[in-house]
Protein backbone atom coordinates (compact mmCIF):
# COMPACT_ATOMS: atom_id res chain seq x y z
CA MET A 1 75.88 109.84 91.33
CA VAL A 2 78.98 111.61 90.91
CA ASN A 3 79.47 115.39 91.76
CA GLN A 4 82.02 116.74 89.34
CA GLU A 5 83.65 119.13 91.80
CA LEU A 6 84.32 116.36 94.07
CA LYS A 7 85.41 113.93 91.55
CA LYS A 8 88.13 116.70 90.32
CA ARG A 9 89.16 117.69 94.10
CA ALA A 10 89.66 113.43 94.55
CA LEU A 11 92.00 113.20 91.38
CA HIS A 12 93.97 116.18 92.32
CA ARG A 13 94.98 114.92 95.61
CA ALA A 14 95.68 111.37 94.48
CA LYS A 15 97.85 112.82 91.97
CA ILE A 16 99.87 114.83 94.94
CA ILE A 17 99.96 111.58 96.65
CA ARG A 18 101.39 109.67 93.49
CA GLY A 19 104.00 112.56 93.44
CA GLN A 20 105.24 112.23 96.94
CA LEU A 21 104.89 108.83 96.12
CA ASP A 22 107.34 108.92 93.25
CA GLY A 23 109.47 111.34 95.53
CA LEU A 24 109.83 108.97 98.39
CA ILE A 25 110.94 106.00 95.45
CA SER A 26 113.64 108.27 94.17
CA ALA A 27 114.94 108.89 97.68
CA ILE A 28 114.93 104.98 98.23
CA ASP A 29 116.68 104.72 94.83
CA LYS A 30 119.34 107.36 95.87
CA GLU A 31 119.67 105.88 99.40
CA GLU A 32 118.88 108.42 101.11
CA TYR A 33 118.73 108.89 104.99
CA CYS A 34 116.67 106.21 106.74
CA THR A 35 114.63 109.28 108.61
CA LYS A 36 114.21 111.35 105.68
CA LEU A 37 112.65 108.27 103.90
CA LEU A 38 110.77 107.87 107.00
CA GLU A 39 109.13 111.52 107.18
CA GLN A 40 107.96 110.69 103.66
CA SER A 41 106.87 107.77 104.08
CA LEU A 42 105.04 109.46 107.18
CA SER A 43 103.41 112.27 104.99
CA ILE A 44 102.18 110.16 102.61
CA GLN A 45 100.36 108.23 104.92
CA ARG A 46 98.81 111.23 106.16
CA SER A 47 97.85 112.44 102.97
CA LEU A 48 96.41 108.90 102.42
CA LYS A 49 94.50 109.36 105.30
CA SER A 50 92.91 112.79 104.44
CA LEU A 51 92.44 111.54 101.35
CA ASP A 52 90.34 108.32 102.98
CA ALA A 53 88.00 111.24 104.89
CA PHE A 54 87.22 113.21 101.98
CA LEU A 55 85.87 110.12 100.20
CA LEU A 56 84.40 108.84 102.99
CA GLU A 57 82.66 112.62 103.07
CA ASN A 58 81.91 112.58 99.58
CA HIS A 59 80.00 109.23 100.28
CA LEU A 60 77.99 109.92 102.91
CA ARG A 61 76.75 112.89 101.67
CA THR A 62 75.97 111.55 98.41
CA HIS A 63 75.37 107.79 98.44
CA VAL A 64 74.52 107.06 102.01
CA ARG A 65 72.21 110.08 102.07
CA HIS A 66 70.31 108.40 99.04
CA GLN A 67 70.33 104.67 100.12
CA MET A 68 69.15 105.88 103.64
CA SER A 69 65.87 107.32 102.08
CA LYS A 70 65.10 103.97 100.04
CA LYS A 71 64.37 101.91 102.86
CA ASN A 72 64.98 98.83 100.75
CA GLU A 73 69.03 100.02 100.72
CA VAL A 74 69.22 100.99 104.32
CA GLU A 75 70.68 97.40 105.12
CA LYS A 76 73.32 97.80 102.50
CA ALA A 77 74.54 101.22 103.29
CA ILE A 78 74.94 99.77 107.13
CA LYS A 79 76.51 97.05 105.85
CA GLU A 80 79.49 99.30 103.46
CA LEU A 81 80.07 101.42 106.53
CA VAL A 82 80.65 98.55 108.54
CA ASN A 83 82.87 97.48 106.30
CA ILE A 84 85.07 100.57 105.87
CA PHE A 85 85.12 100.68 109.46
CA THR A 86 86.52 97.52 109.87
CA LEU A 87 88.94 97.96 106.96
CA SER A 88 90.14 101.13 108.53
CA ILE A 89 90.93 99.55 112.44
CA LYS A 90 93.02 97.10 110.75
């Protein structure tokens, strides 16, 4: 149950993040100034949070919507979301 357009957008975002990470690795290797490294790292973290929000929205709109319509899958959906929330606040 994967929407191909959403998959395409998620892959695009993940590839951008990979490029950002490659840039950070290169900057560390070149021993660039610490604040520049921190700025790049924080930018990557913001990008990851944005990707997380996109993936969560997709999950809610597709899988959770489907699970909530099936009485025997409601508890599974709740457990999955609680697990994701728990991971996000650690």
